[in-house]
Amino acid sequence: MERIVSSRNDARQSATRTDPSNSITQFNLVVAVLSMFLLLTKVTLHTLHIFWPFLSLLVHGLLIGLFGYSLYGQTASDLSDPRYPQHGAPWYITKSCSVSSNYDIKGYCQQAKGSLAITACML
């Protein structure tokens, strides 16, 4: 009985642990939704002629900070697996996507490169 309870607790603890790559993905999703909301708000305020320079400075400062941290998170070292830490830039930035032997991984690599390029352009 103890063994079953301890295995349930281990499974529950591993499920609640945050994976760094998952957290940056969720952060990027939040940044995308928030920036879309701010874009719609900016258009509305500009149309109503109440998007004052001070408010513009605050909104654009927030967006620069969010996209800057997103870019930092995408280019940071991957230390999520303690057995195989990846120090330095991720492999999909430093190498071509053709180094992968799996076709699906090539697609993911191209998506990651595209996401990084769009984030850099947004910044």
Protein backbone atom coordinates (compact mmCIF):
# COMPACT_ATOMS: atom_id res chain seq x y z
CA MET A 1 0.00 0.00 0.00
CA GLU A 2 2.85 2.39 0.83
CA ARG A 3 4.41 1.75 -2.54
CA ILE A 4 1.22 2.79 -4.38
CA VAL A 5 0.86 5.97 -2.32
CA SER A 6 4.48 6.93 -2.84
CA SER A 7 4.26 6.34 -6.60
CA ARG A 8 1.15 8.53 -6.74
CA ASN A 9 2.96 11.27 -4.84
CA ASP A 10 5.97 11.01 -7.16
CA ALA A 11 3.71 11.26 -10.21
CA ARG A 12 1.89 14.25 -8.73
CA GLN A 13 5.18 16.03 -7.93
CA SER A 14 6.59 15.42 -11.41
CA ALA A 15 3.36 16.70 -12.97
CA THR A 16 3.51 19.94 -10.99
CA ARG A 17 7.18 20.60 -11.79
CA THR A 18 7.63 23.31 -14.39
CA ASP A 19 9.62 22.53 -17.48
CA PRO A 20 11.63 25.59 -18.63
CA SER A 21 10.87 25.00 -22.30
CA ASN A 22 7.16 24.67 -21.52
CA SER A 23 7.14 27.85 -19.46
CA ILE A 24 8.78 29.92 -22.23
CA THR A 25 6.23 28.52 -24.69
CA GLN A 26 3.40 29.57 -22.40
CA PHE A 27 5.04 32.97 -21.88
CA ASN A 28 5.27 33.48 -25.66
CA LEU A 29 1.60 32.59 -26.00
CA VAL A 30 0.68 35.14 -23.33
CA VAL A 31 2.86 37.77 -25.04
CA ALA A 32 1.12 37.12 -28.37
CA VAL A 33 -2.37 37.42 -26.88
CA LEU A 34 -1.46 40.50 -24.82
CA SER A 35 0.18 42.24 -27.78
CA MET A 36 -2.91 41.59 -29.92
CA PHE A 37 -5.09 43.07 -27.17
CA LEU A 38 -2.80 46.09 -26.91
CA LEU A 39 -2.84 46.52 -30.69
CA LEU A 40 -6.65 46.59 -30.74
CA THR A 41 -6.67 48.98 -27.78
CA LYS A 42 -4.11 51.27 -29.44
CA VAL A 43 -6.15 51.45 -32.65
CA THR A 44 -9.31 52.28 -30.69
CA LEU A 45 -7.59 54.94 -28.58
CA HIS A 46 -5.90 56.45 -31.64
CA THR A 47 -9.23 56.62 -33.48
CA LEU A 48 -10.79 58.39 -30.49
CA HIS A 49 -7.78 60.77 -30.31
CA ILE A 50 -6.98 59.83 -26.70
CA PHE A 51 -3.78 57.84 -27.23
CA TRP A 52 -1.57 60.42 -25.53
CA PRO A 53 2.24 60.31 -25.77
CA PHE A 54 2.69 59.31 -22.12
CA LEU A 55 0.26 56.41 -22.53
CA SER A 56 2.03 55.46 -25.77
CA LEU A 57 5.37 55.43 -23.94
CA LEU A 58 4.01 53.09 -21.28
CA VAL A 59 2.41 50.69 -23.75
CA HIS A 60 5.42 50.52 -26.07
CA GLY A 61 7.81 50.19 -23.11
CA LEU A 62 5.78 47.22 -21.90
CA LEU A 63 5.85 45.62 -25.35
CA ILE A 64 9.62 46.13 -25.70
CA GLY A 65 10.17 44.52 -22.31
CA LEU A 66 7.93 41.55 -23.09
CA PHE A 67 9.41 40.88 -26.52
CA GLY A 68 12.94 41.39 -25.17
CA TYR A 69 12.42 38.77 -22.47
CA SER A 70 10.82 36.45 -25.02
CA LEU A 71 13.86 36.79 -27.27
CA TYR A 72 16.14 36.14 -24.31
CA GLY A 73 14.16 33.02 -23.37
CA GLN A 74 14.29 31.64 -26.91
CA THR A 75 18.06 32.10 -27.20
CA ALA A 76 18.97 30.99 -23.66
CA SER A 77 20.71 27.75 -22.74
CA ASP A 78 18.53 24.65 -22.39
CA LEU A 79 19.24 23.13 -18.99
CA SER A 80 15.93 21.30 -18.56
CA ASP A 81 17.54 17.84 -18.78
CA PRO A 82 20.27 17.52 -16.14
CA ARG A 83 21.81 14.54 -17.96
CA TYR A 84 22.32 16.47 -21.21
CA PRO A 85 22.64 20.20 -20.48
CA GLN A 86 22.85 22.45 -23.54
CA HIS A 87 25.10 25.40 -22.73
CA GLY A 88 25.14 28.26 -25.21
CA ALA A 89 22.68 28.92 -27.98
CA PRO A 90 20.11 26.24 -28.90
CA TRP A 91 21.05 23.89 -31.73
CA TYR A 92 18.34 25.17 -34.05
CA ILE A 93 19.97 28.62 -34.02
CA THR A 94 23.57 27.51 -34.48
CA LYS A 95 22.97 24.74 -37.03
CA SER A 96 20.89 24.19 -40.13
CA CYS A 97 17.63 22.29 -39.80
CA SER A 98 18.94 19.73 -42.28
CA VAL A 99 21.19 18.15 -39.59
CA SER A 100 18.12 16.39 -38.23
CA SER A 101 17.39 12.94 -39.61
CA ASN A 102 13.69 13.08 -38.71
CA TYR A 103 11.38 15.03 -41.03
CA ASP A 104 9.06 16.08 -38.17
CA ILE A 105 11.97 17.54 -36.21
CA LYS A 106 13.00 19.53 -39.29
CA GLY A 107 9.54 21.09 -39.30
CA TYR A 108 9.78 21.94 -35.60
CA CYS A 109 13.22 23.42 -36.19
CA GLN A 110 11.88 25.63 -38.97
CA GLN A 111 8.99 26.73 -36.74
CA ALA A 112 11.40 27.64 -33.95
CA LYS A 113 13.61 29.61 -36.34
CA GLY A 114 10.56 31.40 -37.71
CA SER A 115 9.31 32.21 -34.22
CA LEU A 116 12.70 33.60 -33.27
CA ALA A 117 12.84 35.73 -36.44
CA ILE A 118 9.35 37.14 -35.85
CA THR A 119 10.16 37.92 -32.23
CA ALA A 120 13.34 39.72 -33.30
CA CYS A 121 11.37 41.72 -35.88
CA MET A 122 8.71 42.62 -33.31
CA LEU A 123 11.38 43.92 -31.00
